[in-house]
Amino acid sequence: MSEEREEGCRLELDFDKLSKVVSAAPGVIPAVAQDLETGLVLMLGYVNQEALETARREGVAVFWSTSRNELWIKGKTSGDVLELEAIRVNCEQNSLLYLVRRRGRGACHTREECGRHRTSCYYRVIDGEGIRHAPYQPVWK
């Protein structure tokens, strides 16, 4: 993954991501983590049966890392745990919504220029100028 894609302001959408996920980690579905209190969408990950069972048992957001091909208990190493309040499934049963409470400083694995943890992976906006960093503006409640 390029640093420019993760941190920069040049639009580099990965339209091949899903084909990479399917070839590297068959048997996964997308799972969105959303902050229950603020409504902020924190991140998107992928879940297989093992990740879902572990999440239900442990009460925290668990994903299947498609890059490392292993179980990923969010926050196990960073301390940025996402405590599960509910797991919702969509109508076609092909994606999940983790409703969570953040127990840490952020949710994204990237950091702001000052080194502070980012609250959400969705910290950039596409507008008429391209892509730019933008503060989260809550619309929840």
N, C-alpha and C. Protein backbone atom coordinates (compact mmCIF):
# COMPACT_ATOMS: atom_id res chain seq x y z
N MET A 1 0.86 -1.17 0.00
CA MET A 1 0.00 0.00 0.00
C MET A 1 0.90 1.23 0.00
N SER A 2 0.62 2.16 -0.87
CA SER A 2 1.47 3.33 -0.96
C SER A 2 1.13 4.34 0.14
N GLU A 3 2.17 5.00 0.63
CA GLU A 3 1.96 6.03 1.66
C GLU A 3 1.11 7.16 1.09
N GLU A 4 1.32 7.48 -0.19
CA GLU A 4 0.53 8.54 -0.82
C GLU A 4 -0.95 8.18 -0.81
N ARG A 5 -1.27 6.92 -1.08
CA ARG A 5 -2.67 6.50 -1.08
C ARG A 5 -3.25 6.63 0.32
N GLU A 6 -2.49 6.24 1.33
CA GLU A 6 -3.00 6.25 2.70
C GLU A 6 -2.99 7.62 3.35
N GLU A 7 -2.02 8.45 3.03
CA GLU A 7 -1.83 9.72 3.74
C GLU A 7 -2.02 10.96 2.88
N GLY A 8 -1.83 10.83 1.58
CA GLY A 8 -1.75 11.99 0.72
C GLY A 8 -3.06 12.56 0.23
N CYS A 9 -2.93 13.51 -0.65
CA CYS A 9 -4.09 14.20 -1.22
C CYS A 9 -4.14 14.05 -2.73
N ARG A 10 -3.61 12.94 -3.23
CA ARG A 10 -3.77 12.60 -4.65
C ARG A 10 -4.77 11.46 -4.70
N LEU A 11 -5.79 11.61 -5.52
CA LEU A 11 -6.84 10.60 -5.63
C LEU A 11 -6.30 9.35 -6.30
N GLU A 12 -6.24 8.23 -5.56
CA GLU A 12 -5.74 6.95 -6.04
C GLU A 12 -6.70 5.84 -5.60
N LEU A 13 -7.94 5.91 -6.03
CA LEU A 13 -8.92 4.90 -5.61
C LEU A 13 -8.49 3.52 -6.08
N ASP A 14 -8.62 2.54 -5.22
CA ASP A 14 -8.22 1.16 -5.51
C ASP A 14 -9.43 0.37 -6.01
N PHE A 15 -9.73 0.50 -7.28
CA PHE A 15 -10.89 -0.18 -7.85
C PHE A 15 -10.69 -1.69 -7.98
N ASP A 16 -9.47 -2.16 -7.73
CA ASP A 16 -9.19 -3.59 -7.78
C ASP A 16 -9.21 -4.24 -6.40
N LYS A 17 -9.52 -3.49 -5.36
CA LYS A 17 -9.46 -4.00 -3.99
C LYS A 17 -10.30 -5.26 -3.79
N LEU A 18 -11.53 -5.25 -4.27
CA LEU A 18 -12.40 -6.41 -4.02
C LEU A 18 -11.89 -7.66 -4.71
N SER A 19 -11.33 -7.54 -5.91
CA SER A 19 -10.79 -8.72 -6.57
C SER A 19 -9.57 -9.24 -5.81
N LYS A 20 -8.78 -8.32 -5.23
CA LYS A 20 -7.64 -8.73 -4.40
C LYS A 20 -8.11 -9.43 -3.14
N VAL A 21 -9.15 -8.92 -2.53
CA VAL A 21 -9.69 -9.51 -1.30
C VAL A 21 -10.20 -10.92 -1.59
N VAL A 22 -10.95 -11.07 -2.65
CA VAL A 22 -11.52 -12.38 -2.99
C VAL A 22 -10.43 -13.40 -3.27
N SER A 23 -9.38 -12.99 -3.97
CA SER A 23 -8.32 -13.95 -4.28
C SER A 23 -7.46 -14.27 -3.06
N ALA A 24 -7.27 -13.30 -2.16
CA ALA A 24 -6.43 -13.52 -0.98
C ALA A 24 -7.20 -14.11 0.20
N ALA A 25 -8.47 -13.80 0.30
CA ALA A 25 -9.25 -14.21 1.48
C ALA A 25 -10.67 -14.56 1.07
N PRO A 26 -10.85 -15.69 0.41
CA PRO A 26 -12.22 -16.07 0.03
C PRO A 26 -13.06 -16.31 1.28
N GLY A 27 -14.35 -16.11 1.15
CA GLY A 27 -15.23 -16.35 2.28
C GLY A 27 -15.32 -15.22 3.27
N VAL A 28 -15.13 -13.97 2.80
CA VAL A 28 -15.27 -12.81 3.67
C VAL A 28 -16.38 -11.91 3.15
N ILE A 29 -16.93 -11.12 4.06
CA ILE A 29 -17.91 -10.08 3.70
C ILE A 29 -17.45 -8.77 4.34
N PRO A 30 -17.87 -7.63 3.79
CA PRO A 30 -17.49 -6.35 4.38
C PRO A 30 -18.20 -6.13 5.72
N ALA A 31 -17.52 -5.44 6.62
CA ALA A 31 -18.09 -5.04 7.90
C ALA A 31 -17.67 -3.61 8.18
N VAL A 32 -18.65 -2.76 8.40
CA VAL A 32 -18.42 -1.35 8.71
C VAL A 32 -18.51 -1.18 10.22
N ALA A 33 -17.57 -0.44 10.79
CA ALA A 33 -17.63 -0.09 12.21
C ALA A 33 -18.10 1.35 12.32
N GLN A 34 -19.17 1.54 13.10
CA GLN A 34 -19.75 2.87 13.27
C GLN A 34 -19.83 3.18 14.76
N ASP A 35 -19.41 4.39 15.13
CA ASP A 35 -19.47 4.83 16.52
C ASP A 35 -20.93 5.01 16.91
N LEU A 36 -21.36 4.27 17.92
CA LEU A 36 -22.75 4.29 18.35
C LEU A 36 -23.17 5.65 18.89
N GLU A 37 -22.24 6.35 19.53
CA GLU A 37 -22.59 7.64 20.15
C GLU A 37 -22.62 8.79 19.17
N THR A 38 -21.70 8.80 18.19
CA THR A 38 -21.60 9.95 17.29
C THR A 38 -22.16 9.69 15.90
N GLY A 39 -22.29 8.40 15.53
CA GLY A 39 -22.72 8.06 14.18
C GLY A 39 -21.58 8.07 13.18
N LEU A 40 -20.38 8.43 13.60
CA LEU A 40 -19.23 8.50 12.72
C LEU A 40 -18.87 7.11 12.21
N VAL A 41 -18.72 6.98 10.90
CA VAL A 41 -18.24 5.73 10.32
C VAL A 41 -16.74 5.69 10.56
N LEU A 42 -16.27 4.68 11.27
CA LEU A 42 -14.88 4.61 11.67
C LEU A 42 -14.01 3.91 10.65
N MET A 43 -14.49 2.79 10.14
CA MET A 43 -13.65 2.00 9.24
C MET A 43 -14.48 0.93 8.54
N LEU A 44 -13.88 0.35 7.51
CA LEU A 44 -14.43 -0.79 6.80
C LEU A 44 -13.39 -1.89 6.86
N GLY A 45 -13.82 -3.07 7.22
CA GLY A 45 -12.95 -4.24 7.22
C GLY A 45 -13.70 -5.41 6.62
N TYR A 46 -13.11 -6.59 6.73
CA TYR A 46 -13.72 -7.80 6.19
C TYR A 46 -13.80 -8.84 7.29
N VAL A 47 -14.86 -9.62 7.25
CA VAL A 47 -15.13 -10.59 8.29
C VAL A 47 -15.38 -11.95 7.66
N ASN A 48 -14.74 -12.97 8.21
CA ASN A 48 -15.09 -14.34 7.84
C ASN A 48 -15.79 -14.98 9.04
N GLN A 49 -16.14 -16.25 8.93
CA GLN A 49 -16.87 -16.91 10.01
C GLN A 49 -16.09 -16.88 11.32
N GLU A 50 -14.78 -17.12 11.27
CA GLU A 50 -13.95 -17.12 12.48
C GLU A 50 -13.94 -15.74 13.13
N ALA A 51 -13.81 -14.68 12.34
CA ALA A 51 -13.80 -13.32 12.88
C ALA A 51 -15.14 -12.99 13.53
N LEU A 52 -16.23 -13.37 12.89
CA LEU A 52 -17.56 -13.10 13.45
C LEU A 52 -17.74 -13.84 14.77
N GLU A 53 -17.38 -15.10 14.81
CA GLU A 53 -17.52 -15.88 16.05
C GLU A 53 -16.66 -15.30 17.16
N THR A 54 -15.46 -14.87 16.83
CA THR A 54 -14.56 -14.28 17.82
C THR A 54 -15.13 -12.96 18.33
N ALA A 55 -15.65 -12.13 17.42
CA ALA A 55 -16.25 -10.86 17.81
C ALA A 55 -17.41 -11.08 18.77
N ARG A 56 -18.26 -12.02 18.45
CA ARG A 56 -19.41 -12.30 19.31
C ARG A 56 -18.97 -12.82 20.68
N ARG A 57 -17.97 -13.63 20.71
CA ARG A 57 -17.48 -14.20 21.96
C ARG A 57 -16.74 -13.16 22.81
N GLU A 58 -15.90 -12.33 22.16
CA GLU A 58 -15.05 -11.38 22.89
C GLU A 58 -15.73 -10.03 23.17
N GLY A 59 -16.77 -9.70 22.38
CA GLY A 59 -17.45 -8.42 22.58
C GLY A 59 -16.70 -7.22 22.04
N VAL A 60 -15.79 -7.46 21.10
CA VAL A 60 -15.04 -6.38 20.45
C VAL A 60 -15.05 -6.61 18.95
N ALA A 61 -14.77 -5.55 18.19
CA ALA A 61 -14.73 -5.66 16.73
C ALA A 61 -13.55 -6.53 16.32
N VAL A 62 -13.84 -7.54 15.53
CA VAL A 62 -12.81 -8.45 15.01
C VAL A 62 -13.02 -8.55 13.51
N PHE A 63 -11.92 -8.52 12.78
CA PHE A 63 -11.94 -8.59 11.33
C PHE A 63 -11.00 -9.69 10.86
N TRP A 64 -11.06 -9.97 9.56
CA TRP A 64 -10.07 -10.84 8.95
C TRP A 64 -9.15 -9.94 8.14
N SER A 65 -7.87 -9.90 8.49
CA SER A 65 -6.91 -9.07 7.77
C SER A 65 -6.65 -9.69 6.41
N THR A 66 -7.06 -9.01 5.36
CA THR A 66 -6.87 -9.52 4.00
C THR A 66 -5.44 -9.34 3.53
N SER A 67 -4.68 -8.43 4.16
CA SER A 67 -3.29 -8.23 3.77
C SER A 67 -2.36 -9.22 4.48
N ARG A 68 -2.70 -9.55 5.73
CA ARG A 68 -1.87 -10.50 6.49
C ARG A 68 -2.45 -11.92 6.51
N ASN A 69 -3.70 -12.03 6.04
CA ASN A 69 -4.40 -13.32 6.00
C ASN A 69 -4.44 -13.97 7.39
N GLU A 70 -4.93 -13.17 8.36
CA GLU A 70 -5.04 -13.66 9.73
C GLU A 70 -6.12 -12.89 10.48
N LEU A 71 -6.54 -13.46 11.60
CA LEU A 71 -7.51 -12.81 12.45
C LEU A 71 -6.95 -11.49 12.97
N TRP A 72 -7.77 -10.44 12.99
CA TRP A 72 -7.35 -9.11 13.42
C TRP A 72 -8.32 -8.63 14.49
N ILE A 73 -7.89 -8.70 15.73
CA ILE A 73 -8.70 -8.18 16.83
C ILE A 73 -8.34 -6.70 16.95
N LYS A 74 -9.24 -5.84 16.52
CA LYS A 74 -8.98 -4.39 16.45
C LYS A 74 -8.61 -3.88 17.84
N GLY A 75 -7.43 -3.28 17.92
CA GLY A 75 -6.97 -2.68 19.16
C GLY A 75 -6.09 -3.57 20.01
N LYS A 76 -5.90 -4.82 19.60
CA LYS A 76 -5.09 -5.74 20.41
C LYS A 76 -3.67 -5.21 20.59
N THR A 77 -3.09 -4.64 19.54
CA THR A 77 -1.73 -4.09 19.67
C THR A 77 -1.72 -2.58 19.85
N SER A 78 -2.67 -1.87 19.26
CA SER A 78 -2.68 -0.40 19.33
C SER A 78 -3.37 0.14 20.58
N GLY A 79 -4.24 -0.66 21.17
CA GLY A 79 -5.04 -0.18 22.29
C GLY A 79 -6.32 0.52 21.87
N ASP A 80 -6.51 0.69 20.57
CA ASP A 80 -7.70 1.36 20.05
C ASP A 80 -8.82 0.34 19.83
N VAL A 81 -9.32 -0.19 20.93
CA VAL A 81 -10.35 -1.23 20.91
C VAL A 81 -11.70 -0.64 20.52
N LEU A 82 -12.45 -1.40 19.73
CA LEU A 82 -13.81 -1.03 19.38
C LEU A 82 -14.73 -2.02 20.07
N GLU A 83 -15.34 -1.58 21.17
CA GLU A 83 -16.21 -2.43 21.97
C GLU A 83 -17.56 -2.58 21.25
N LEU A 84 -17.97 -3.82 21.04
CA LEU A 84 -19.22 -4.09 20.31
C LEU A 84 -20.44 -3.86 21.19
N GLU A 85 -21.36 -3.09 20.68
CA GLU A 85 -22.66 -2.93 21.32
C GLU A 85 -23.72 -3.73 20.58
N ALA A 86 -23.56 -3.86 19.26
CA ALA A 86 -24.51 -4.63 18.45
C ALA A 86 -23.87 -4.98 17.12
N ILE A 87 -24.33 -6.05 16.54
CA ILE A 87 -23.94 -6.43 15.19
C ILE A 87 -25.22 -6.50 14.37
N ARG A 88 -25.26 -5.74 13.31
CA ARG A 88 -26.42 -5.75 12.41
C ARG A 88 -26.01 -6.36 11.08
N VAL A 89 -26.97 -6.98 10.43
CA VAL A 89 -26.73 -7.60 9.13
C VAL A 89 -27.69 -6.97 8.13
N ASN A 90 -27.23 -6.79 6.89
CA ASN A 90 -28.09 -6.15 5.89
C ASN A 90 -29.10 -7.15 5.33
N CYS A 91 -30.00 -6.66 4.50
CA CYS A 91 -31.12 -7.46 3.99
C CYS A 91 -30.66 -8.67 3.18
N GLU A 92 -29.56 -8.55 2.44
CA GLU A 92 -29.08 -9.66 1.62
C GLU A 92 -28.10 -10.56 2.36
N GLN A 93 -27.83 -10.24 3.61
CA GLN A 93 -26.90 -10.97 4.46
C GLN A 93 -25.52 -11.13 3.81
N ASN A 94 -25.04 -9.99 3.24
CA ASN A 94 -23.71 -10.01 2.63
C ASN A 94 -22.82 -8.88 3.15
N SER A 95 -23.25 -8.23 4.22
CA SER A 95 -22.40 -7.25 4.91
C SER A 95 -22.90 -7.08 6.34
N LEU A 96 -21.98 -6.60 7.19
CA LEU A 96 -22.31 -6.39 8.59
C LEU A 96 -22.06 -4.94 8.98
N LEU A 97 -22.76 -4.51 10.00
CA LEU A 97 -22.53 -3.21 10.63
C LEU A 97 -22.23 -3.47 12.10
N TYR A 98 -21.01 -3.13 12.50
CA TYR A 98 -20.62 -3.21 13.91
C TYR A 98 -20.93 -1.86 14.54
N LEU A 99 -21.84 -1.82 15.49
CA LEU A 99 -22.09 -0.61 16.26
C LEU A 99 -21.19 -0.69 17.49
N VAL A 100 -20.31 0.29 17.63
CA VAL A 100 -19.23 0.18 18.61
C VAL A 100 -19.11 1.42 19.48
N ARG A 101 -18.40 1.24 20.58
CA ARG A 101 -17.94 2.34 21.42
C ARG A 101 -16.41 2.30 21.37
N ARG A 102 -15.82 3.43 21.05
CA ARG A 102 -14.35 3.49 20.97
C ARG A 102 -13.75 3.48 22.37
N ARG A 103 -12.78 2.63 22.55
CA ARG A 103 -12.03 2.54 23.82
C ARG A 103 -10.55 2.75 23.49
N GLY A 104 -10.22 3.94 23.16
CA GLY A 104 -8.86 4.27 22.76
C GLY A 104 -8.84 5.64 22.15
N ARG A 105 -7.76 5.94 21.45
CA ARG A 105 -7.57 7.28 20.91
C ARG A 105 -8.07 7.43 19.49
N GLY A 106 -8.24 6.36 18.76
CA GLY A 106 -8.67 6.46 17.38
C GLY A 106 -9.14 5.14 16.84
N ALA A 107 -9.33 5.11 15.53
CA ALA A 107 -9.75 3.87 14.87
C ALA A 107 -8.86 3.56 13.67
N CYS A 108 -8.29 4.59 13.06
CA CYS A 108 -7.48 4.41 11.86
C CYS A 108 -6.04 4.06 12.22
N HIS A 109 -5.41 3.25 11.37
CA HIS A 109 -4.01 2.90 11.61
C HIS A 109 -3.05 4.02 11.18
N THR A 110 -3.56 5.02 10.47
CA THR A 110 -2.72 6.15 10.09
C THR A 110 -2.80 7.22 11.17
N ARG A 111 -1.90 8.17 11.12
CA ARG A 111 -1.84 9.24 12.12
C ARG A 111 -1.87 10.60 11.43
N GLU A 112 -2.32 11.60 12.18
CA GLU A 112 -2.27 12.97 11.69
C GLU A 112 -0.80 13.39 11.65
N GLU A 113 -0.51 14.50 10.97
CA GLU A 113 0.88 14.98 10.86
C GLU A 113 1.52 15.17 12.23
N CYS A 114 0.74 15.54 13.22
CA CYS A 114 1.27 15.77 14.57
C CYS A 114 1.47 14.45 15.32
N GLY A 115 1.08 13.33 14.71
CA GLY A 115 1.24 12.03 15.34
C GLY A 115 0.02 11.54 16.08
N ARG A 116 -1.01 12.35 16.18
CA ARG A 116 -2.23 11.97 16.89
C ARG A 116 -3.00 10.91 16.11
N HIS A 117 -3.59 9.99 16.81
CA HIS A 117 -4.40 8.94 16.18
C HIS A 117 -5.61 9.58 15.49
N ARG A 118 -5.93 9.09 14.32
CA ARG A 118 -7.12 9.58 13.63
C ARG A 118 -8.35 8.86 14.18
N THR A 119 -9.41 9.61 14.39
CA THR A 119 -10.64 9.04 14.93
C THR A 119 -11.27 8.07 13.95
N SER A 120 -11.18 8.36 12.67
CA SER A 120 -11.86 7.58 11.64
C SER A 120 -10.93 7.42 10.44
N CYS A 121 -11.15 6.36 9.69
CA CYS A 121 -10.41 6.16 8.43
C CYS A 121 -10.93 7.10 7.33
N TYR A 122 -12.08 7.70 7.53
CA TYR A 122 -12.69 8.57 6.53
C TYR A 122 -12.38 10.04 6.85
N TYR A 123 -11.11 10.41 6.73
CA TYR A 123 -10.64 11.74 7.11
C TYR A 123 -10.38 12.64 5.91
N ARG A 124 -10.67 12.16 4.69
CA ARG A 124 -10.48 12.99 3.49
C ARG A 124 -11.81 13.09 2.74
N VAL A 125 -11.92 14.14 1.95
CA VAL A 125 -13.14 14.38 1.19
C VAL A 125 -12.76 14.60 -0.28
N ILE A 126 -13.59 14.11 -1.18
CA ILE A 126 -13.42 14.38 -2.61
C ILE A 126 -14.32 15.55 -2.95
N ASP A 127 -13.75 16.58 -3.54
CA ASP A 127 -14.53 17.75 -3.93
C ASP A 127 -14.09 18.21 -5.32
N GLY A 128 -14.46 19.39 -5.70
CA GLY A 128 -14.12 19.92 -7.02
C GLY A 128 -12.64 20.06 -7.27
N GLU A 129 -11.85 20.12 -6.21
CA GLU A 129 -10.40 20.27 -6.33
C GLU A 129 -9.68 18.93 -6.34
N GLY A 130 -10.38 17.86 -6.08
CA GLY A 130 -9.76 16.53 -5.97
C GLY A 130 -10.01 15.95 -4.60
N ILE A 131 -8.93 15.60 -3.92
CA ILE A 131 -9.05 15.01 -2.59
C ILE A 131 -8.30 15.89 -1.60
N ARG A 132 -8.87 16.07 -0.40
CA ARG A 132 -8.20 16.89 0.61
C ARG A 132 -8.58 16.39 2.01
N HIS A 133 -7.71 16.70 2.96
CA HIS A 133 -8.00 16.39 4.35
C HIS A 133 -9.11 17.33 4.81
N ALA A 134 -10.03 16.80 5.59
CA ALA A 134 -11.12 17.62 6.07
C ALA A 134 -11.56 17.12 7.44
N PRO A 135 -11.85 18.03 8.35
CA PRO A 135 -12.31 17.61 9.67
C PRO A 135 -13.71 16.98 9.57
N TYR A 136 -13.95 16.07 10.47
CA TYR A 136 -15.28 15.44 10.53
C TYR A 136 -16.29 16.47 11.02
N GLN A 137 -17.39 16.57 10.30
CA GLN A 137 -18.46 17.47 10.70
C GLN A 137 -19.67 16.62 11.03
N PRO A 138 -19.99 16.45 12.31
CA PRO A 138 -21.07 15.54 12.69
C PRO A 138 -22.42 15.99 12.16
N VAL A 139 -23.19 15.01 11.72
CA VAL A 139 -24.55 15.26 11.29
C VAL A 139 -25.51 14.36 12.06
N TRP A 140 -24.97 13.64 13.00
CA TRP A 140 -25.72 12.66 13.80
C TRP A 140 -26.51 13.37 14.87
N LYS A 141 -27.69 12.88 15.17
CA LYS A 141 -28.60 13.33 16.23
C LYS A 141 -29.32 14.57 15.92
